[in-house]
Protein backbone atom coordinates (compact mmCIF):
# COMPACT_ATOMS: atom_id res chain seq x y z
CA MET A 1 138.97 -116.90 135.27
CA VAL A 2 142.38 -116.35 136.78
CA LYS A 3 142.93 -118.39 139.92
CA LYS A 4 143.98 -115.85 142.50
CA ASP A 5 144.17 -117.45 145.93
CA PHE A 6 142.07 -119.02 148.63
CA PRO A 7 138.74 -117.31 149.26
CA LYS A 8 139.11 -114.22 151.48
CA ILE A 9 136.65 -113.66 154.30
CA HIS A 10 135.41 -110.43 155.83
CA PHE A 11 134.22 -110.42 159.42
CA TYR A 12 134.02 -107.87 162.21
CA ASP A 13 136.27 -109.98 164.48
CA GLN A 14 139.73 -109.83 162.92
CA ASP A 15 141.01 -112.58 165.22
CA LEU A 16 138.68 -115.08 163.54
CA VAL A 17 139.73 -113.85 160.10
CA SER A 18 143.38 -114.32 161.06
CA LEU A 19 142.64 -117.82 162.34
CA TYR A 20 140.96 -118.69 159.01
CA ASP A 21 143.93 -117.33 157.03
CA GLU A 22 146.46 -119.08 159.27
CA THR A 23 144.71 -122.42 158.77
CA TRP A 24 145.17 -122.20 154.99
CA LEU A 25 148.85 -121.44 155.50
CA LEU A 26 149.23 -124.48 157.74
CA ILE A 27 147.53 -126.82 155.28
CA LYS A 28 150.38 -126.53 152.77
CA ASP A 29 152.60 -128.50 155.21
CA TYR A 30 150.19 -131.43 155.45
CA TRP A 31 150.70 -132.94 152.00
CA LYS A 32 152.63 -136.14 151.45
CA LYS A 33 153.80 -137.94 148.33
CA GLY A 34 152.64 -141.42 147.45
CA SER A 35 154.93 -144.06 146.01
CA SER A 36 154.82 -147.25 143.96
CA LYS A 37 155.44 -149.12 147.20
CA ASN A 38 152.39 -147.85 149.08
CA GLY A 39 150.17 -147.34 146.03
CA LEU A 40 148.86 -144.02 147.32
CA HIS A 41 148.16 -141.06 145.04
CA SER A 42 150.93 -138.62 144.29
CA ARG A 43 149.62 -136.12 146.85
CA PHE A 44 147.57 -136.95 149.90
CA PHE A 45 146.57 -134.94 152.95
CA ALA A 46 147.65 -136.21 156.38
CA HIS A 47 149.15 -134.99 159.62
CA PRO A 48 152.97 -134.83 159.34
CA ASP A 49 153.40 -137.24 162.28
CA SER A 50 150.91 -139.82 161.06
CA THR A 51 151.99 -143.26 159.81
CA ARG A 52 148.57 -144.25 158.49
CA ILE A 53 145.85 -142.81 156.32
CA ASN A 54 142.48 -142.89 158.05
CA GLN A 55 139.11 -143.05 156.29
CA PHE A 56 137.28 -140.96 158.91
CA ASP A 57 139.90 -138.19 158.84
CA THR A 58 140.06 -138.20 155.03
CA CYS A 59 136.29 -137.94 154.54
CA PHE A 60 135.99 -135.05 156.98
CA SER A 61 139.04 -133.29 155.50
CA SER A 62 137.23 -133.09 152.17
CA PHE A 63 134.66 -130.73 153.72
CA PHE A 64 137.21 -127.92 154.04
CA LEU A 65 139.57 -128.76 151.18
CA VAL A 66 136.71 -128.12 148.72
CA TYR A 67 137.03 -124.41 149.56
CA SER A 68 140.64 -124.09 148.37
CA ASN A 69 139.57 -122.78 144.93
CA ARG A 70 141.08 -126.01 143.50
CA ILE A 71 144.53 -125.12 144.78
CA TYR A 72 144.57 -128.36 146.77
CA PRO A 73 143.31 -131.71 145.42
CA VAL A 74 140.30 -132.83 147.42
CA MET A 75 139.50 -136.03 145.52
CA SER A 76 142.87 -137.79 145.67
CA GLY A 77 142.47 -138.54 149.39
CA LEU A 78 139.23 -140.42 148.76
CA ASP A 79 140.67 -142.06 145.65
CA ASN A 80 143.41 -143.61 147.79
CA PHE A 81 140.75 -145.65 149.55
CA TYR A 82 138.82 -146.51 146.39
CA ALA A 83 142.04 -147.80 144.80
CA LYS A 84 142.45 -150.20 147.73
CA GLN A 85 139.00 -151.75 147.31
CA GLU A 86 139.12 -155.54 147.46
CA GLU A 87 137.23 -157.99 145.26
CA SER A 88 134.67 -158.45 148.04
CA GLY A 89 133.97 -154.70 148.00
CA ALA A 90 135.81 -154.13 151.27
CA ILE A 91 137.55 -150.82 151.91
CA ARG A 92 139.48 -150.90 155.17
CA GLY A 93 139.42 -147.92 157.50
CA GLU A 94 143.20 -147.46 157.74
CA TYR A 95 146.23 -148.19 155.56
CA ARG A 96 149.89 -147.86 156.45
CA GLU A 97 151.75 -145.04 154.73
CA SER A 98 154.89 -147.20 154.54
CA ASP A 99 153.56 -150.03 152.37
CA GLY A 100 149.90 -149.24 151.73
CA LYS A 101 148.67 -152.38 153.51
CA PRO A 102 145.53 -152.36 155.66
CA VAL A 103 145.83 -151.97 159.41
CA ARG A 104 144.19 -154.88 161.23
CA LEU A 105 143.32 -154.28 164.88
CA LYS A 106 142.21 -156.86 167.45
CA ASP A 107 139.16 -154.81 168.45
CA ASN A 108 138.15 -154.15 164.82
CA PRO A 109 139.54 -157.08 162.79
CA ARG A 110 137.71 -156.29 159.54
CA GLY A 111 138.75 -152.64 159.69
CA VAL A 112 135.35 -151.07 159.14
CA LEU A 113 134.98 -147.35 159.98
CA PRO A 114 132.10 -144.85 159.59
CA PRO A 115 130.84 -145.07 155.96
CA LEU A 116 130.97 -141.38 155.04
CA PHE A 117 132.18 -141.58 151.42
CA ALA A 118 128.78 -140.88 149.79
CA TRP A 119 128.16 -137.81 151.99
CA ALA A 120 131.62 -136.50 151.12
CA GLU A 121 131.14 -137.14 147.38
CA PHE A 122 127.76 -135.36 147.33
CA ASN A 123 129.36 -132.32 148.96
CA ILE A 124 132.30 -132.41 146.52
CA TYR A 125 129.89 -132.48 143.58
CA HIS A 126 128.09 -129.34 144.77
CA LYS A 127 131.33 -127.51 145.54
CA LEU A 128 133.31 -128.54 142.44
CA GLY A 129 130.59 -129.55 139.97
CA VAL A 130 132.29 -132.60 138.42
CA LYS A 131 129.42 -134.82 137.23
CA LYS A 132 131.69 -137.32 135.48
CA ARG A 133 133.17 -138.30 138.84
CA ILE A 134 129.83 -139.58 140.12
CA ARG A 135 129.68 -142.15 137.30
CA GLU A 136 133.16 -143.31 138.28
CA VAL A 137 132.73 -143.56 142.05
CA LEU A 138 129.13 -144.78 142.39
CA PRO A 139 129.98 -148.41 141.42
CA VAL A 140 132.79 -148.37 144.02
CA LEU A 141 130.42 -147.07 146.70
CA GLU A 142 127.79 -149.68 145.78
CA LYS A 143 130.28 -152.54 146.21
CA TYR A 144 131.41 -151.05 149.52
CA PHE A 145 127.82 -150.66 150.76
CA LYS A 146 127.03 -154.29 149.87
CA TRP A 147 130.17 -155.51 151.65
CA ILE A 148 129.04 -153.79 154.84
CA GLU A 149 125.55 -155.25 154.42
CA GLN A 150 126.88 -158.78 153.95
CA ASN A 151 129.23 -158.60 156.94
CA PHE A 152 127.48 -156.43 159.51
CA LYS A 153 123.73 -156.38 158.80
CA THR A 154 121.74 -158.62 161.13
CA ALA A 155 118.37 -160.34 160.93
CA ASN A 156 116.58 -157.41 162.61
CA GLY A 157 117.69 -155.04 159.81
CA LEU A 158 120.21 -153.14 161.95
CA TYR A 159 124.00 -153.16 161.75
CA SER A 160 126.24 -154.55 164.46
CA VAL A 161 129.87 -153.35 164.60
CA PRO A 162 132.46 -153.13 167.41
CA LEU A 163 132.93 -149.92 169.38
CA ALA A 164 136.25 -149.27 167.60
CA ALA A 165 134.33 -148.95 164.32
CA THR A 166 132.54 -145.87 165.65
CA MET A 167 135.81 -143.92 166.25
CA MET A 168 134.73 -143.46 169.89
CA GLU A 169 137.15 -145.94 171.43
CA ASN A 170 136.67 -145.36 175.17
CA SER A 171 133.08 -144.11 175.19
CA PRO A 172 131.16 -145.79 178.05
CA ARG A 173 128.88 -147.76 175.76
CA ASP A 174 129.29 -151.09 177.55
CA GLY A 175 127.17 -153.87 176.14
CA MET A 176 126.56 -152.05 172.87
CA CYS A 177 125.71 -154.36 169.98
CA TYR A 178 123.80 -152.05 167.62
CA PRO A 179 125.34 -148.53 167.65
CA ILE A 180 123.04 -145.60 166.87
CA ASP A 181 125.82 -143.70 165.07
CA PHE A 182 126.89 -146.47 162.68
CA ASN A 183 123.29 -147.32 161.80
CA SER A 184 122.53 -143.64 161.17
CA GLN A 185 125.70 -143.37 159.06
CA MET A 186 124.54 -146.30 156.92
CA ALA A 187 121.19 -144.54 156.48
CA LEU A 188 123.11 -141.38 155.55
CA ALA A 189 125.18 -143.37 153.02
CA ALA A 190 122.04 -144.83 151.43
CA PHE A 191 120.40 -141.39 151.30
CA TYR A 192 123.32 -139.75 149.50
CA MET A 193 123.88 -142.69 147.18
CA SER A 194 120.29 -142.31 146.02
CA GLU A 195 120.98 -138.57 145.54
CA LEU A 196 124.16 -139.27 143.54
CA ALA A 197 122.27 -141.75 141.36
CA ASP A 198 119.57 -139.14 140.77
CA ILE A 199 122.18 -136.61 139.56
CA ILE A 200 123.27 -139.00 136.78
CA ASN A 201 119.65 -140.05 136.11
CA ASP A 202 120.22 -143.66 137.23
CA LYS A 203 116.65 -144.38 138.30
CA GLU A 204 117.18 -148.01 139.29
CA THR A 205 120.07 -147.25 141.65
CA ASN A 206 118.23 -144.23 142.98
CA TYR A 207 115.24 -146.41 143.89
CA THR A 208 117.39 -149.17 145.40
CA TYR A 209 119.13 -146.88 147.87
CA LYS A 210 116.09 -144.77 148.60
CA LYS A 211 114.34 -147.98 149.61
CA ALA A 212 117.34 -149.01 151.75
CA TYR A 213 117.31 -145.59 153.42
CA PHE A 214 113.62 -145.65 154.36
CA SER A 215 113.85 -149.24 155.56
CA LEU A 216 116.74 -148.46 157.91
CA LYS A 217 115.16 -145.17 159.00
CA THR A 218 112.01 -147.08 160.02
CA LYS A 219 114.04 -149.63 161.99
CA ILE A 220 116.01 -146.95 163.84
CA ASN A 221 112.86 -145.04 164.76
CA ALA A 222 111.06 -148.19 165.90
CA LEU A 223 113.84 -149.70 167.99
CA MET A 224 116.29 -146.99 169.03
CA TRP A 225 114.04 -144.02 169.83
CA ASP A 226 112.98 -143.57 173.46
CA GLU A 227 109.70 -141.66 173.45
CA ARG A 228 109.76 -140.82 177.15
CA GLU A 229 113.24 -139.28 177.05
CA GLY A 230 113.14 -137.94 173.50
CA PHE A 231 116.48 -139.54 172.65
CA TYR A 232 118.06 -142.23 170.46
CA TYR A 233 120.06 -144.96 172.18
CA ASP A 234 122.37 -147.83 171.31
CA LEU A 235 120.94 -151.32 171.69
CA ASP A 236 122.44 -154.34 173.38
CA ALA A 237 122.35 -157.87 171.92
CA SER A 238 118.76 -158.38 173.13
CA GLN A 239 117.71 -155.07 171.53
CA LYS A 240 117.34 -153.34 174.88
CA ARG A 241 118.18 -149.62 174.89
CA LEU A 242 121.37 -148.67 176.73
CA LYS A 243 120.63 -145.44 178.61
CA VAL A 244 123.93 -143.66 178.03
CA LYS A 245 123.67 -140.29 176.30
CA THR A 246 126.58 -139.70 173.94
CA ILE A 247 127.26 -137.42 170.99
CA ALA A 248 126.68 -140.48 168.77
CA SER A 249 122.92 -140.07 169.26
CA PHE A 250 122.86 -136.90 167.12
CA TRP A 251 123.86 -138.64 163.88
CA PRO A 252 120.14 -139.25 163.20
CA LEU A 253 119.70 -135.48 162.71
CA ILE A 254 122.01 -135.25 159.72
CA ALA A 255 120.47 -138.41 158.26
CA GLU A 256 117.00 -136.82 158.69
CA ILE A 257 115.76 -139.84 160.63
CA PRO A 258 113.50 -138.13 163.24
CA ASN A 259 110.36 -136.36 162.13
CA GLU A 260 110.05 -132.67 162.94
CA ALA A 261 108.58 -133.21 166.41
CA ARG A 262 111.19 -135.79 167.39
CA GLY A 263 113.92 -133.63 165.91
CA GLU A 264 112.91 -130.73 168.17
CA ARG A 265 112.93 -132.99 171.22
CA LEU A 266 116.38 -134.29 170.32
CA ILE A 267 117.65 -130.73 169.83
CA GLU A 268 116.47 -129.85 173.36
CA HIS A 269 119.31 -132.04 174.69
CA LEU A 270 121.82 -129.88 172.79
CA VAL A 271 120.77 -126.72 174.64
CA ASP A 272 120.47 -128.33 178.09
CA PRO A 273 123.55 -127.21 180.13
CA HIS A 274 123.36 -130.45 182.15
CA GLU A 275 123.73 -132.52 179.01
CA PHE A 276 125.39 -131.12 175.87
CA GLY A 277 124.66 -127.36 175.96
CA ILE A 278 127.81 -126.24 177.73
CA GLU A 279 129.84 -123.16 176.81
CA ASN A 280 132.10 -125.15 174.48
CA PRO A 281 129.61 -127.31 172.61
CA PHE A 282 129.44 -130.32 172.43
CA PRO A 283 130.95 -132.80 174.90
CA THR A 284 131.04 -136.38 173.67
CA LEU A 285 129.19 -137.53 176.79
CA ALA A 286 126.31 -135.85 178.62
CA VAL A 287 127.59 -133.74 181.53
CA ARG A 288 125.24 -135.39 184.04
CA ASP A 289 126.45 -138.90 183.15
CA LYS A 290 128.38 -140.57 185.97
CA HIS A 291 131.27 -141.34 183.59
CA PHE A 292 131.67 -137.72 182.46
CA ASP A 293 135.21 -136.41 182.98
CA ALA A 294 135.74 -132.64 183.19
CA GLN A 295 139.23 -133.15 181.71
CA GLY A 296 137.69 -134.77 178.64
CA SER A 297 139.38 -138.17 178.91
CA GLY A 298 138.85 -139.02 175.25
CA TYR A 299 135.20 -139.75 174.51
CA ARG A 300 134.09 -139.21 178.10
CA GLY A 301 133.62 -135.47 177.69
CA SER A 302 136.15 -134.08 175.21
CA VAL A 303 134.93 -131.81 172.41
CA TYR A 304 135.92 -133.10 168.95
CA PRO A 305 135.60 -130.70 165.96
CA PRO A 306 134.36 -133.29 163.40
CA LEU A 307 131.55 -134.41 165.72
CA ASN A 308 130.63 -130.77 166.32
CA TYR A 309 130.55 -130.26 162.55
CA MET A 310 128.20 -133.23 162.22
CA VAL A 311 125.81 -131.91 164.88
CA ILE A 312 125.75 -128.41 163.39
CA LYS A 313 125.00 -129.78 159.91
CA GLY A 314 122.20 -131.80 161.50
CA LEU A 315 120.73 -128.63 163.01
CA GLU A 316 120.66 -127.12 159.52
CA LYS A 317 118.55 -130.04 158.28
CA TYR A 318 115.90 -129.03 160.84
CA LYS A 319 116.07 -125.32 159.91
CA ARG A 320 117.76 -124.33 163.18
CA HIS A 321 120.25 -121.98 161.54
CA ASP A 322 120.13 -119.76 164.62
CA LEU A 323 121.37 -122.49 166.92
CA ALA A 324 123.84 -123.77 164.32
CA ARG A 325 125.47 -120.34 164.12
CA GLU A 326 125.48 -119.79 167.88
CA PHE A 327 127.15 -123.14 168.53
CA ALA A 328 129.64 -122.63 165.69
CA ILE A 329 130.71 -119.24 167.11
CA ARG A 330 131.08 -120.58 170.64
CA HIS A 331 133.16 -123.54 169.52
CA LEU A 332 135.29 -121.38 167.21
CA TYR A 333 136.20 -119.04 170.07
CA HIS A 334 137.34 -122.04 172.12
CA VAL A 335 139.54 -123.16 169.22
CA LEU A 336 140.91 -119.60 169.06
CA ASP A 337 141.55 -119.57 172.83
CA GLY A 338 143.39 -122.86 172.48
CA LEU A 339 145.76 -121.33 169.93
CA TYR A 340 146.22 -117.95 171.62
CA THR A 341 145.95 -118.60 175.34
CA SER A 342 144.98 -116.12 178.04
CA THR A 343 148.52 -116.44 179.49
CA GLY A 344 149.99 -115.13 176.24
CA LYS A 345 151.70 -118.42 175.39
CA LYS A 346 151.15 -119.83 171.89
CA GLY A 347 148.96 -122.91 172.09
CA SER A 348 147.91 -125.21 169.26
CA LEU A 349 145.05 -126.49 167.13
CA TYR A 350 144.10 -129.63 169.01
CA GLU A 351 142.50 -132.92 168.13
CA ALA A 352 140.11 -132.49 171.08
CA TYR A 353 139.23 -129.71 173.53
CA ALA A 354 138.40 -129.62 177.23
CA PRO A 355 134.66 -129.32 177.80
CA HIS A 356 134.67 -126.67 180.53
CA THR A 357 138.03 -124.91 180.37
CA GLU A 358 140.30 -123.24 177.84
CA GLY A 359 142.72 -125.47 175.99
CA PRO A 360 143.12 -129.13 175.12
CA ALA A 361 141.34 -132.12 176.61
CA LYS A 362 143.39 -134.48 178.76
CA TRP A 363 143.36 -138.27 178.80
CA PRO A 364 145.52 -139.65 181.61
CA GLY A 365 147.52 -142.63 180.40
CA LYS A 366 146.88 -141.97 176.70
CA LYS A 367 150.20 -141.20 175.05
CA GLY A 368 150.22 -138.40 172.48
CA PHE A 369 146.70 -137.17 173.28
CA PRO A 370 145.52 -134.82 172.03
CA ARG A 371 147.45 -134.55 168.80
CA THR A 372 148.65 -130.99 168.24
CA MET A 373 148.25 -128.84 165.14
CA PHE A 374 145.67 -131.40 164.09
CA VAL A 375 144.35 -129.50 161.10
CA PRO A 376 142.45 -132.53 159.68
CA TYR A 377 139.93 -131.90 162.48
CA THR A 378 140.17 -128.24 163.45
CA ALA A 379 139.98 -126.84 159.92
CA LEU A 380 136.38 -128.06 159.88
CA THR A 381 135.78 -125.33 162.46
CA THR A 382 138.16 -122.59 161.31
CA ILE A 383 137.29 -122.91 157.59
CA SER A 384 134.06 -124.88 157.00
CA LEU A 385 131.97 -123.63 159.92
CA MET A 386 133.39 -120.13 159.46
CA LEU A 387 132.17 -120.00 155.86
CA GLU A 388 128.99 -122.05 156.14
CA ASN A 389 127.53 -121.06 159.50
CA ILE A 390 129.18 -117.90 160.79
CA ILE A 391 129.23 -116.06 157.46
CA GLY A 392 126.31 -118.25 156.36
CA LEU A 393 127.08 -119.38 152.81
CA ASN A 394 125.74 -122.49 151.06
CA ILE A 395 127.21 -122.99 147.58
CA SER A 396 126.21 -125.21 144.66
CA LEU A 397 128.44 -125.03 141.60
CA PRO A 398 126.26 -127.19 139.31
CA ARG A 399 123.32 -124.89 139.97
CA LYS A 400 125.49 -121.74 139.94
CA THR A 401 123.79 -120.70 143.17
CA VAL A 402 124.84 -119.16 146.47
CA ASP A 403 122.41 -119.21 149.39
CA TRP A 404 123.30 -116.65 152.05
CA THR A 405 121.63 -116.79 155.44
CA ILE A 406 122.04 -113.43 157.20
CA PRO A 407 121.04 -113.96 160.85
CA THR A 408 122.16 -110.51 162.01
CA LEU A 409 123.33 -107.40 160.23
CA GLU A 410 127.10 -107.45 160.60
CA ALA A 411 130.03 -106.51 158.40
CA MET A 412 130.85 -109.84 156.79
CA GLY A 413 131.26 -111.57 153.46
CA ILE A 414 133.59 -113.42 151.13
CA GLY A 415 135.89 -112.44 148.28
CA ASP A 416 137.50 -114.30 145.36
CA LEU A 417 135.37 -117.41 145.75
CA ALA A 418 135.53 -119.66 142.69
CA LEU A 419 132.04 -120.52 141.47
CA LYS A 420 132.75 -122.81 138.52
CA ARG A 421 134.69 -120.60 136.07
CA ASN A 422 133.59 -117.49 137.88
CA LEU A 423 135.19 -115.55 140.74
CA ILE A 424 132.63 -113.84 142.96
CA SER A 425 132.69 -111.52 145.97
CA ILE A 426 129.83 -110.84 148.39
CA LEU A 427 130.07 -108.32 151.21
CA CYS A 428 127.51 -106.93 153.64
CA ALA A 429 128.50 -103.54 155.05
CA LYS A 430 126.93 -100.37 156.41
CA SER A 431 127.01 -97.21 154.29
CA SER A 432 125.37 -93.79 154.35
CA ARG A 433 122.36 -95.39 152.63
CA GLY A 434 122.02 -98.12 155.28
CA TRP A 435 123.06 -101.77 155.15
CA GLU A 436 124.12 -102.81 151.67
CA VAL A 437 125.20 -106.04 150.02
CA HIS A 438 128.04 -105.35 147.58
CA LEU A 439 128.49 -107.89 144.81
CA GLU A 440 131.14 -108.52 142.18
CA SER A 441 131.08 -111.30 139.62
CA GLU A 442 132.63 -112.26 136.30
CA LYS A 443 129.53 -114.12 135.11
CA LEU A 444 125.84 -114.49 135.93
CA TYR A 445 124.90 -116.54 139.00
CA TYR A 446 121.93 -116.71 141.37
CA LEU A 447 122.00 -115.43 144.94
CA THR A 448 119.35 -116.32 147.51
CA ILE A 449 119.40 -114.06 150.55
CA ASP A 450 117.62 -115.27 153.67
CA LEU A 451 117.15 -112.39 156.12
CA PHE A 452 116.87 -113.42 159.77
CA GLY A 453 115.14 -116.67 158.79
CA ALA A 454 111.99 -114.67 158.00
CA ARG A 455 112.37 -113.37 154.45
CA SER A 456 114.03 -115.02 151.48
CA LYS A 457 114.63 -113.68 148.00
CA THR A 458 116.45 -115.10 144.96
CA LEU A 459 118.12 -112.67 142.57
CA PRO A 460 120.09 -113.12 139.35
CA ILE A 461 123.46 -111.43 139.88
CA PRO A 462 124.91 -110.09 136.59
CA SER A 463 128.57 -109.79 135.69
CA GLY A 464 130.41 -106.74 137.00
CA LYS A 465 129.76 -104.83 140.22
CA CYS A 466 126.43 -104.02 141.83
CA SER A 467 124.89 -103.50 145.24
CA LEU A 468 121.59 -104.19 147.00
CA LEU A 469 120.00 -102.25 149.85
CA VAL A 470 118.98 -104.71 152.56
CA ASP A 471 115.91 -102.59 153.45
CA LYS A 472 114.65 -102.95 149.87
CA LEU A 473 114.86 -106.76 149.83
């Protein structure tokens, strides 16, 4: 296989295609060189104006860097954090780029941030297919998981961390002791660590973390779910639910914590225009909350791309591909409007967007907010959501499979996508014979086409060119 370029997308709206292409061009300017002084890897991905590397940003960045056809290193960013692991198992959430030392903050003295490494590694495995890496990183992740358990797990089985550890610094979660998002993230970490162990046939580790996952899932459902309101809430120190509806309460979806009935009730809040179902989904605080700010004001209403990505991936877990695509398209158009404004002036790719109006969120008194050209967040929308939810592709390199959900018949597809040592192209287009799927591949792989969520068919796709009539599927 000759490495050609980044994957090319085909879509009927050329503006979205241009935005996707432009994002890849921007990414080349976001690489920095490590040094012997800071102990960081030779190349790491960070915003040009940053002075720290951040665990949350790095984990989420991996979800779009995996699509670069190996042009950009996706693993080195995570390896920077693994290399800093302390004897206790601790990995701090931020390190200074100048000297590589951890950043200690008064409101988060132990520097814990959302534990998303295992989720990121599972995704990397399915996009790049490197099984050897799992054997190398799983012991690091186990030590890290145990450090969090020893320092933040309480007698009731839940985890207690400061608000700063949730990355939602000014969210009106006063009195919070047990955050729903961090507890769901720990469940998510346990779930994917058991999956990683299963890939390398480590049955003991698989069982250990599967048990940890179900134990925490049970605790969250018993203590944090409000049956009357159909919602998960933070708890205060006395385990009383704090009735503030924030975006944090949707982390249980991606961790598959609610059963199907509860999942549907939780999803109802995402479509309610008085809560989270506004035109630019999803505000970080329910619209009807008394603390909601129409300017955004940080986590009091702003729309953050990584949190949108999380919610949309959670919708997929509950088979709501229709809603996932609708919300992805709506958010993507707001990102587009923020870059190319209605006044004709060139805007930017922002860290956070206004909930009700075009353009960036505002946070009076917060210097430098929102950060501009903040590709570590917005590329999740312009690349990952574009490929995964708008075009509808789900790729697994180890299995040599591509699942393609076609919600509506539109001209769309992808070209020059690296599938292990195989470049493939998939395009749906209308011809004189009707709607056809045109395929090109260097080697055999398996394509599952899901039509409108009603019909699904798996086909072996041979090397060379071929086409399929949609009506015949």
